[in-house]
Amino acid sequence: MTRLTAAVSFVLAALLAPPALAAEAPTALHCGHLFDARSGRLLDARTVVVREGKVAEVLPGRADVAGALAIDLSGHTCTPGWTDLHVHLASQSSPQSYSEGFRLDDVDFAFRSVGFAKKTLLAGFTSVRDLGGEVSPHLRDAINQGLVDGPRIWAAGKSIATTGGHADPTNGYNDALSHLIGPPGPTEGVINSIEDARQAVRQRYKDGSDVIKITATGGVLSYAKSGDAPQFTVEEVKAIVDTAKDYGYRVAAHAHGEEGMKRAVLGGVTSIEHGTYMSPEVMALMKQRGTWYVPTIYAGRFVAEKAKIDGYFPEVVRPKAARIGAQIQDTAGRAYRGGVKIAFGTDMGVGPHGDNAREFLYMVEAGIPAATALQAATIRAAEVLGVDDQGVIEAGKRADIVAVPGDPIADINAVMKVAFVMKDGKVYKQPGAAE
C-alpha cells in the first residue's frame, strides 16, 4: 500500500466512523438529610453524585462536583426510591368494577394502566410488584422501552387459583356463560392437582411473568362467599414453589385465613400478603421459615370503609369487606411486635393509585416505627424481590432516589409531600417544576 493510499484510507475511516458520544454530565443532589436504609438512621447533609443511572459517590456535606448539574434538596430528606410490593396497575376499585370485566377489553385496562403507573412513580414508588393482571407484563415492557413513564415492574401476570378460588376468572358467571366458556384450567391460572400446579407456573413463564402469585385462601373482593377458607393443599403449594425455583421465580401468597397461611408457609412461599387472621402459631412458623409479611393495611381500611356504602360492593362481597378489612391494621401491629419480617405493600388498585404512601402512615398508627416502615419500602422490599442493586443510596446502586420535605422519621406525614423523584438517574419530579 502506498503512502497516498494509506492516507486516503485513514481519512475515509475517520469520516465514516460514528461520532464519539460525549460523556453524560453527572448530577449532584444536595440533600439536607439522607435516610440510611441499612441502619434506619437519618444522616446529616450529603451530596449524592449520579452518573449514568447509578449512584457514583455519596459525599459529606454540600460538596462541589465539577461539571455536575446541581439540584438543591437542602430542605429535604433523600431516601432510596420506594417499592410497593403489592399493586394492581391495570385496575382501580369502583362500584362499576364487577360489570367492567364483561364490558371492557384488555386494551381498555392497558390504557388506564399508563396513567396509574405514572401516578405511582410520581408518588415516590420507583419499583412495584404487580401481583395479578394480564396487562402488567406488557406495561412493564412499555416502561422498560421508554414508551411510557412508570415504576420498574415485577409482574406476576395471571394469579394462580383453585376452582372457585379467589383468582378463578369465572366466579359469578351464570350457567349459560359458564357452559359456553368451559371450566378454566392451568393456562387460565386455575389448578386442581400437583400436575396442574406445575403447568400453571410454566404457563406464567411462557407468558413472561417475573414472579408467581397464588391465592392461598378466599379473598375479600372476589365474587364468592368465603374470604378465608384454604384453597390449596400443602403439596400443591410446594409443587408451585419448586417449579417456580426452576425459573428463578419467588412466590407471593394472598392469604387471609390461618389454615391457608400455614399451608402456604409450609409449602415454601416467599411472602404472605394481607395475613388478616394470622395467629401466634403462624407467626412462629413464618419466623422459623423466614417468610415475609406484606400487610396491605391501606386496602383493608379502604374496603371496610366502602362496605358501609350501599351498592359499592355486591352483597356477597360486602360482609367480607366489613369483617376482614378492618382487622388488617391490628394484625400488622401484632406481627411487628411478634418479630415477623415486614415489607411494604398496599394492594393499590383496590384504593386509588398514587396514594400508596399513605400506607406508611397506617403502619406507624399500627405501632411500627417510622424508620422501620421506610426500611420496609426500601432495603427490605429489595430483599423480598431478591435484588441487591436498589433499596439503598450507595455507590454502585441504582440511582432511585426520592426526597420529601423535613424529617419523615419525626413526622411520617412528610411522605405524602414527595418533592423529588429520580429513577435510574432520570429526574421525573423536582421542587418547583410543574408535573
Protein backbone atom coordinates (compact mmCIF):
# COMPACT_ATOMS: atom_id res chain seq x y z
CA MET A 1 0.00 0.00 0.00
CA THR A 2 1.40 3.41 -0.99
CA ARG A 3 1.61 6.29 1.45
CA LEU A 4 -1.11 8.12 -0.50
CA THR A 5 -3.45 5.11 -0.37
CA ALA A 6 -2.84 4.69 3.35
CA ALA A 7 -3.55 8.37 3.95
CA VAL A 8 -6.78 8.24 1.96
CA SER A 9 -7.89 5.10 3.85
CA PHE A 10 -7.20 6.80 7.19
CA VAL A 11 -9.23 9.89 6.24
CA LEU A 12 -12.14 7.80 4.97
CA ALA A 13 -12.14 5.72 8.14
CA ALA A 14 -12.18 8.86 10.24
CA LEU A 15 -15.03 10.34 8.22
CA LEU A 16 -17.14 7.19 8.29
CA ALA A 17 -16.59 6.33 11.95
CA PRO A 18 -19.57 7.09 14.21
CA PRO A 19 -19.08 10.24 16.32
CA ALA A 20 -17.87 9.63 19.84
CA LEU A 21 -20.59 10.06 22.41
CA ALA A 22 -19.95 12.81 24.91
CA ALA A 23 -19.90 11.62 28.49
CA GLU A 24 -23.15 12.46 30.24
CA ALA A 25 -22.72 15.21 32.82
CA PRO A 26 -23.17 13.97 36.39
CA THR A 27 -25.98 15.14 38.65
CA ALA A 28 -25.28 16.32 42.20
CA LEU A 29 -28.17 16.09 44.65
CA HIS A 30 -27.60 18.33 47.66
CA CYS A 31 -29.68 16.60 50.35
CA GLY A 32 -30.40 18.26 53.68
CA HIS A 33 -30.60 14.80 55.25
CA LEU A 34 -30.18 11.27 53.92
CA PHE A 35 -32.03 8.20 55.16
CA ASP A 36 -29.61 5.30 55.62
CA ALA A 37 -31.82 2.32 54.91
CA ARG A 38 -29.30 -0.18 56.27
CA SER A 39 -29.19 1.32 59.75
CA GLY A 40 -32.58 3.00 59.74
CA ARG A 41 -30.93 6.27 60.79
CA LEU A 42 -31.22 9.78 59.40
CA LEU A 43 -27.83 11.18 58.40
CA ASP A 44 -26.97 14.86 58.11
CA ALA A 45 -26.32 16.71 54.82
CA ARG A 46 -24.98 14.63 51.95
CA THR A 47 -24.23 15.20 48.27
CA VAL A 48 -25.29 12.27 46.12
CA VAL A 49 -23.42 12.15 42.80
CA VAL A 50 -25.23 10.32 40.00
CA ARG A 51 -23.61 9.17 36.76
CA GLU A 52 -25.14 7.01 34.01
CA GLY A 53 -28.09 5.88 36.10
CA LYS A 54 -26.04 4.82 39.11
CA VAL A 55 -25.00 6.40 42.37
CA ALA A 56 -21.32 7.23 41.83
CA GLU A 57 -20.50 8.76 45.21
CA VAL A 58 -22.10 9.88 48.44
CA LEU A 59 -20.11 12.82 49.81
CA PRO A 60 -20.43 14.51 53.21
CA GLY A 61 -21.99 17.94 53.40
CA ARG A 62 -22.66 20.16 50.40
CA ALA A 63 -19.82 19.23 48.08
CA ASP A 64 -18.94 20.95 44.81
CA VAL A 65 -18.85 18.48 41.91
CA ALA A 66 -17.12 19.76 38.78
CA GLY A 67 -19.38 19.88 35.73
CA ALA A 68 -22.39 18.49 37.58
CA LEU A 69 -26.00 19.58 37.29
CA ALA A 70 -26.77 20.61 40.87
CA ILE A 71 -30.23 20.06 42.37
CA ASP A 72 -30.89 21.77 45.68
CA LEU A 73 -32.70 19.44 48.10
CA SER A 74 -31.25 21.12 51.18
CA GLY A 75 -34.63 21.42 52.87
CA HIS A 76 -35.45 17.79 52.20
CA THR A 77 -34.64 14.26 53.27
CA CYS A 78 -33.41 11.98 50.49
CA THR A 79 -34.40 8.32 50.73
CA PRO A 80 -33.92 5.38 48.39
CA GLY A 81 -36.76 5.07 45.89
CA TRP A 82 -39.71 3.29 47.48
CA THR A 83 -41.03 -0.11 46.43
CA ASP A 84 -44.67 -1.17 46.72
CA LEU A 85 -44.69 -4.97 46.75
CA HIS A 86 -48.41 -5.36 46.09
CA VAL A 87 -50.18 -3.36 43.39
CA HIS A 88 -52.57 -3.95 40.50
CA LEU A 89 -51.81 -1.26 37.95
CA ALA A 90 -54.46 -2.25 35.40
CA SER A 91 -57.46 -1.55 37.61
CA GLN A 92 -58.91 0.65 40.33
CA SER A 93 -61.86 -0.21 42.55
CA SER A 94 -65.22 1.40 41.89
CA PRO A 95 -68.90 0.37 42.01
CA GLN A 96 -68.56 -0.44 38.29
CA SER A 97 -65.59 -2.79 38.71
CA TYR A 98 -67.61 -6.02 38.55
CA SER A 99 -69.54 -5.14 35.40
CA GLU A 100 -66.49 -3.68 33.62
CA GLY A 101 -64.97 -7.13 33.34
CA PHE A 102 -67.79 -8.03 30.94
CA ARG A 103 -67.86 -4.73 29.04
CA LEU A 104 -64.22 -3.76 28.60
CA ASP A 105 -61.30 -5.34 26.76
CA ASP A 106 -57.71 -5.78 27.92
CA VAL A 107 -56.70 -2.82 25.77
CA ASP A 108 -59.05 -0.59 27.77
CA PHE A 109 -57.41 -1.64 31.01
CA ALA A 110 -53.99 -1.18 29.39
CA PHE A 111 -54.72 2.45 28.55
CA ARG A 112 -55.85 3.04 32.13
CA SER A 113 -52.70 1.43 33.47
CA VAL A 114 -50.50 4.05 31.79
CA GLY A 115 -51.98 6.82 33.92
CA PHE A 116 -51.95 4.67 37.05
CA ALA A 117 -48.27 3.84 36.52
CA LYS A 118 -47.27 7.49 36.20
CA LYS A 119 -49.20 8.45 39.34
CA THR A 120 -47.42 5.67 41.22
CA LEU A 121 -43.98 6.83 40.08
CA LEU A 122 -44.64 10.48 40.92
CA ALA A 123 -45.79 9.40 44.39
CA GLY A 124 -42.24 8.17 45.03
CA PHE A 125 -42.54 4.50 44.10
CA THR A 126 -39.76 3.68 41.67
CA SER A 127 -40.42 -0.08 41.80
CA VAL A 128 -43.53 -2.22 42.24
CA ARG A 129 -44.52 -5.85 42.28
CA ASP A 130 -47.74 -6.16 40.27
CA LEU A 131 -49.45 -9.21 41.76
CA GLY A 132 -52.09 -10.22 39.29
CA GLY A 133 -53.21 -8.97 35.93
CA GLU A 134 -52.52 -9.93 32.33
CA VAL A 135 -51.79 -6.31 31.38
CA SER A 136 -48.83 -5.87 33.73
CA PRO A 137 -46.12 -7.74 31.75
CA HIS A 138 -46.91 -5.57 28.73
CA LEU A 139 -46.93 -2.37 30.81
CA ARG A 140 -43.57 -3.44 32.26
CA ASP A 141 -42.14 -3.81 28.76
CA ALA A 142 -43.50 -0.44 27.63
CA ILE A 143 -41.91 1.27 30.63
CA ASN A 144 -38.59 -0.53 30.08
CA GLN A 145 -38.61 0.59 26.44
CA GLY A 146 -39.19 4.21 27.47
CA LEU A 147 -42.60 4.40 25.79
CA VAL A 148 -44.43 5.44 28.97
CA ASP A 149 -43.40 6.66 32.41
CA GLY A 150 -43.81 4.38 35.38
CA PRO A 151 -42.08 2.37 38.09
CA ARG A 152 -39.89 -0.66 37.49
CA ILE A 153 -42.31 -3.62 37.50
CA TRP A 154 -42.01 -7.20 38.68
CA ALA A 155 -45.09 -8.66 37.02
CA ALA A 156 -46.94 -11.78 38.15
CA GLY A 157 -49.34 -11.90 35.22
CA LYS A 158 -52.37 -14.08 35.96
CA SER A 159 -52.62 -15.20 39.59
CA ILE A 160 -52.85 -18.94 40.26
CA ALA A 161 -56.02 -20.16 41.99
CA THR A 162 -58.13 -23.26 42.52
CA THR A 163 -61.62 -23.83 41.09
CA GLY A 164 -63.93 -21.25 42.64
CA GLY A 165 -60.97 -19.67 44.40
CA HIS A 166 -60.10 -16.00 44.75
CA ALA A 167 -58.50 -15.75 41.28
CA ASP A 168 -60.85 -18.05 39.36
CA PRO A 169 -61.78 -15.70 36.48
CA THR A 170 -65.22 -17.31 36.02
CA ASN A 171 -66.58 -16.67 39.51
CA GLY A 172 -70.03 -15.12 39.30
CA TYR A 173 -70.76 -16.23 35.73
CA ASN A 174 -74.24 -17.62 35.09
CA ASP A 175 -74.76 -21.22 33.97
CA ALA A 176 -75.13 -20.41 30.28
CA LEU A 177 -71.95 -18.37 30.14
CA SER A 178 -70.02 -20.88 32.23
CA HIS A 179 -71.11 -23.71 29.92
CA LEU A 180 -70.17 -21.69 26.83
CA ILE A 181 -66.68 -20.84 28.11
CA GLY A 182 -65.98 -24.13 29.85
CA PRO A 183 -64.06 -24.67 33.09
CA PRO A 184 -60.78 -22.73 33.30
CA GLY A 185 -57.56 -24.70 33.68
CA PRO A 186 -53.83 -24.16 34.29
CA THR A 187 -53.48 -21.95 31.21
CA GLU A 188 -56.01 -19.58 32.80
CA GLY A 189 -54.31 -19.99 36.18
CA VAL A 190 -56.78 -22.43 37.77
CA ILE A 191 -55.42 -25.69 39.19
CA ASN A 192 -56.73 -28.76 40.99
CA SER A 193 -53.70 -31.05 41.24
CA ILE A 194 -49.94 -31.14 41.51
CA GLU A 195 -49.57 -31.57 37.77
CA ASP A 196 -51.89 -28.63 37.16
CA ALA A 197 -49.77 -26.59 39.57
CA ARG A 198 -46.60 -27.25 37.64
CA GLN A 199 -48.28 -26.48 34.33
CA ALA A 200 -49.68 -23.19 35.64
CA VAL A 201 -46.22 -21.98 36.68
CA ARG A 202 -44.76 -22.99 33.32
CA GLN A 203 -47.56 -21.06 31.60
CA ARG A 204 -46.66 -17.97 33.62
CA TYR A 205 -43.06 -18.42 32.43
CA LYS A 206 -44.31 -18.66 28.86
CA ASP A 207 -46.36 -15.50 29.41
CA GLY A 208 -43.32 -13.58 30.63
CA SER A 209 -44.00 -13.26 34.34
CA ASP A 210 -41.30 -12.21 36.83
CA VAL A 211 -42.90 -13.59 40.00
CA ILE A 212 -45.66 -16.06 40.88
CA LYS A 213 -48.77 -15.08 42.82
CA ILE A 214 -51.12 -17.65 44.38
CA THR A 215 -54.39 -17.12 46.20
CA ALA A 216 -53.89 -19.43 49.15
CA THR A 217 -57.28 -18.57 50.68
CA GLY A 218 -60.51 -16.94 49.67
CA GLY A 219 -60.45 -13.19 49.13
CA VAL A 220 -62.42 -10.12 50.04
CA LEU A 221 -63.35 -8.77 46.62
CA SER A 222 -63.87 -11.99 44.65
CA TYR A 223 -67.45 -12.95 43.82
CA ALA A 224 -67.53 -15.84 46.30
CA LYS A 225 -68.80 -16.40 49.82
CA SER A 226 -65.63 -17.27 51.76
CA GLY A 227 -62.82 -14.79 52.32
CA ASP A 228 -60.58 -17.04 54.39
CA ALA A 229 -61.07 -20.75 53.53
CA PRO A 230 -57.86 -22.58 52.48
CA GLN A 231 -57.74 -23.24 48.74
CA PHE A 232 -54.58 -25.29 48.11
CA THR A 233 -53.07 -28.37 49.66
CA VAL A 234 -49.53 -28.12 51.01
CA GLU A 235 -48.42 -30.45 48.22
CA GLU A 236 -49.92 -28.16 45.56
CA VAL A 237 -48.20 -25.12 47.06
CA LYS A 238 -44.92 -26.99 47.22
CA ALA A 239 -45.26 -28.02 43.57
CA ILE A 240 -45.78 -24.37 42.62
CA VAL A 241 -42.80 -23.20 44.70
CA ASP A 242 -40.48 -25.95 43.45
CA THR A 243 -41.41 -25.34 39.82
CA ALA A 244 -41.06 -21.59 40.30
CA LYS A 245 -37.50 -22.12 41.52
CA ASP A 246 -36.67 -23.78 38.20
CA TYR A 247 -37.30 -20.41 36.55
CA GLY A 248 -35.79 -18.23 39.27
CA TYR A 249 -39.20 -17.11 40.49
CA ARG A 250 -40.31 -16.28 44.01
CA VAL A 251 -43.88 -16.90 45.16
CA ALA A 252 -46.22 -14.47 46.89
CA ALA A 253 -49.32 -15.86 48.60
CA HIS A 254 -52.51 -13.91 49.08
CA ALA A 255 -53.93 -15.28 52.35
CA HIS A 256 -56.45 -14.20 54.97
CA GLY A 257 -57.26 -17.42 56.86
CA GLU A 258 -54.99 -19.19 59.36
CA GLU A 259 -55.03 -22.65 57.78
CA GLY A 260 -54.34 -21.35 54.28
CA MET A 261 -51.42 -19.29 55.62
CA LYS A 262 -49.93 -22.32 57.36
CA ARG A 263 -50.12 -24.39 54.19
CA ALA A 264 -48.53 -21.59 52.16
CA VAL A 265 -45.67 -21.14 54.61
CA LEU A 266 -45.08 -24.89 54.85
CA GLY A 267 -45.10 -25.02 51.04
CA GLY A 268 -42.25 -22.51 50.93
CA VAL A 269 -43.72 -19.21 49.68
CA THR A 270 -41.59 -16.07 49.96
CA SER A 271 -44.29 -13.80 51.32
CA ILE A 272 -47.75 -13.76 52.86
CA GLU A 273 -49.95 -10.92 51.60
CA HIS A 274 -52.71 -9.44 53.84
CA GLY A 275 -52.50 -12.09 56.59
CA THR A 276 -55.68 -10.99 58.35
CA TYR A 277 -56.21 -13.92 60.71
CA MET A 278 -52.53 -14.53 61.39
CA SER A 279 -52.25 -16.45 64.67
CA PRO A 280 -49.25 -16.71 67.02
CA GLU A 281 -48.70 -20.21 65.60
CA VAL A 282 -48.49 -18.83 62.05
CA MET A 283 -46.18 -16.03 63.20
CA ALA A 284 -43.86 -18.55 64.82
CA LEU A 285 -43.87 -20.66 61.66
CA MET A 286 -43.11 -17.61 59.49
CA LYS A 287 -40.19 -16.64 61.73
CA GLN A 288 -38.88 -20.20 61.59
CA ARG A 289 -39.13 -20.36 57.79
CA GLY A 290 -38.03 -16.76 57.14
CA THR A 291 -41.33 -15.89 55.44
CA TRP A 292 -42.04 -12.21 54.81
CA TYR A 293 -45.28 -10.45 55.67
CA VAL A 294 -46.76 -7.73 53.39
CA PRO A 295 -49.74 -6.35 55.35
CA THR A 296 -51.58 -4.07 52.82
CA ILE A 297 -53.24 -2.07 55.59
CA TYR A 298 -54.45 0.51 53.09
CA ALA A 299 -56.60 -1.99 51.22
CA GLY A 300 -58.10 -3.32 54.42
CA ARG A 301 -59.12 0.11 55.63
CA PHE A 302 -60.39 1.12 52.19
CA VAL A 303 -62.73 -1.86 51.72
CA ALA A 304 -64.00 -1.65 55.29
CA GLU A 305 -64.99 1.97 54.68
CA LYS A 306 -66.58 1.30 51.29
CA ALA A 307 -68.57 -1.62 52.74
CA LYS A 308 -70.65 0.98 54.58
CA ILE A 309 -71.88 2.39 51.26
CA ASP A 310 -74.95 0.71 49.75
CA GLY A 311 -74.22 -0.60 46.26
CA TYR A 312 -70.45 -0.09 46.26
CA PHE A 313 -69.82 -3.85 46.53
CA PRO A 314 -72.05 -6.80 45.54
CA GLU A 315 -73.90 -8.18 48.55
CA VAL A 316 -71.81 -11.38 48.56
CA VAL A 317 -68.70 -9.23 48.94
CA ARG A 318 -69.93 -6.58 51.38
CA PRO A 319 -69.83 -8.60 54.65
CA LYS A 320 -66.33 -9.88 53.85
CA ALA A 321 -65.10 -6.34 53.24
CA ALA A 322 -66.58 -5.12 56.52
CA ARG A 323 -65.30 -8.07 58.58
CA ILE A 324 -61.86 -8.76 57.15
CA GLY A 325 -60.72 -5.32 56.04
CA ALA A 326 -61.00 -3.71 59.44
CA GLN A 327 -58.65 -6.24 61.07
CA ILE A 328 -55.51 -5.99 58.93
CA GLN A 329 -54.03 -2.96 60.68
CA ASP A 330 -54.24 -4.68 64.07
CA THR A 331 -52.65 -7.82 62.59
CA ALA A 332 -49.74 -5.75 61.22
CA GLY A 333 -49.06 -4.30 64.66
CA ARG A 334 -49.16 -7.73 66.30
CA ALA A 335 -46.87 -9.19 63.64
CA TYR A 336 -44.33 -6.41 64.16
CA ARG A 337 -44.34 -6.90 67.92
CA GLY A 338 -44.05 -10.65 67.33
CA GLY A 339 -40.87 -10.27 65.30
CA VAL A 340 -42.24 -11.23 61.86
CA LYS A 341 -40.29 -9.74 58.95
CA ILE A 342 -42.40 -6.99 57.38
CA ALA A 343 -42.15 -5.42 53.94
CA PHE A 344 -44.21 -2.69 52.31
CA GLY A 345 -47.28 -3.24 50.13
CA THR A 346 -50.65 -1.57 49.65
CA ASP A 347 -52.77 -3.70 47.26
CA MET A 348 -53.24 -0.43 45.37
CA GLY A 349 -55.81 -0.77 42.68
CA VAL A 350 -58.18 -1.56 45.50
CA GLY A 351 -57.68 2.07 46.52
CA PRO A 352 -56.71 4.96 44.21
CA HIS A 353 -53.29 4.76 42.58
CA GLY A 354 -50.87 7.46 43.65
CA ASP A 355 -52.00 7.36 47.28
CA ASN A 356 -49.60 4.49 48.06
CA ALA A 357 -47.54 6.43 50.62
CA ARG A 358 -50.50 6.59 52.98
CA GLU A 359 -49.57 3.01 53.92
CA PHE A 360 -46.60 4.48 55.82
CA LEU A 361 -48.99 6.46 57.99
CA TYR A 362 -51.11 3.39 58.70
CA MET A 363 -48.03 1.33 59.56
CA VAL A 364 -46.96 3.95 62.11
CA GLU A 365 -50.51 4.04 63.52
CA ALA A 366 -50.22 0.26 63.98
CA GLY A 367 -47.14 0.76 66.17
CA ILE A 368 -44.42 0.22 63.58
CA PRO A 369 -41.67 2.87 63.93
CA ALA A 370 -41.38 5.31 61.03
CA ALA A 371 -37.79 4.27 60.29
CA THR A 372 -38.84 0.61 60.15
CA ALA A 373 -41.70 1.50 57.80
CA LEU A 374 -39.26 3.32 55.49
CA GLN A 375 -36.92 0.32 55.58
CA ALA A 376 -39.89 -1.91 54.68
CA ALA A 377 -40.29 0.02 51.40
CA THR A 378 -36.57 0.21 50.59
CA ILE A 379 -33.96 -2.31 51.70
CA ARG A 380 -36.46 -4.88 52.98
CA ALA A 381 -38.50 -4.74 49.77
CA ALA A 382 -35.30 -5.35 47.80
CA GLU A 383 -34.66 -8.44 49.93
CA VAL A 384 -38.15 -9.75 49.15
CA LEU A 385 -37.51 -9.22 45.44
CA GLY A 386 -34.12 -10.91 45.73
CA VAL A 387 -32.13 -7.99 44.28
CA ASP A 388 -29.15 -6.13 45.71
CA ASP A 389 -28.85 -3.16 43.34
CA GLN A 390 -31.57 -0.99 44.89
CA GLY A 391 -33.12 -0.09 48.23
CA VAL A 392 -30.11 1.88 49.48
CA ILE A 393 -28.30 5.07 48.42
CA GLU A 394 -24.77 3.76 47.98
CA ALA A 395 -22.09 3.87 45.29
CA GLY A 396 -22.79 1.38 42.51
CA LYS A 397 -26.51 1.03 43.24
CA ARG A 398 -29.36 2.18 41.02
CA ALA A 399 -29.97 5.92 41.27
CA ASP A 400 -33.54 5.56 42.54
CA ILE A 401 -33.96 8.49 44.92
CA VAL A 402 -36.96 10.22 46.50
CA ALA A 403 -36.95 13.43 48.53
CA VAL A 404 -39.58 14.71 50.97
CA PRO A 405 -39.61 17.94 52.97
CA GLY A 406 -38.41 17.90 56.55
CA ASP A 407 -37.82 14.76 58.61
CA PRO A 408 -40.09 11.77 57.83
CA ILE A 409 -38.87 9.90 60.89
CA ALA A 410 -40.02 12.71 63.18
CA ASP A 411 -43.20 13.28 61.15
CA ILE A 412 -44.21 10.44 58.85
CA ASN A 413 -46.77 12.71 57.15
CA ALA A 414 -43.86 14.10 55.12
CA VAL A 415 -44.11 11.06 52.82
CA MET A 416 -47.35 12.49 51.44
CA LYS A 417 -45.45 15.53 50.08
CA VAL A 418 -42.96 13.94 47.69
CA ALA A 419 -40.99 16.76 46.04
CA PHE A 420 -38.36 14.86 44.05
CA VAL A 421 -38.35 11.55 42.19
CA MET A 422 -35.42 10.02 40.31
CA LYS A 423 -35.42 6.56 38.74
CA ASP A 424 -32.28 5.12 37.16
CA GLY A 425 -30.73 8.59 37.23
CA LYS A 426 -33.59 10.28 35.36
CA VAL A 427 -35.46 13.05 37.16
CA TYR A 428 -39.25 12.74 36.92
CA LYS A 429 -40.20 15.29 39.56
CA GLN A 430 -38.35 18.09 41.34
CA PRO A 431 -39.15 21.11 43.53
CA GLY A 432 -40.59 23.99 41.60
CA ALA A 433 -41.21 22.05 38.39
CA ALA A 434 -44.71 21.61 37.01
CA GLU A 435 -45.90 17.99 36.85
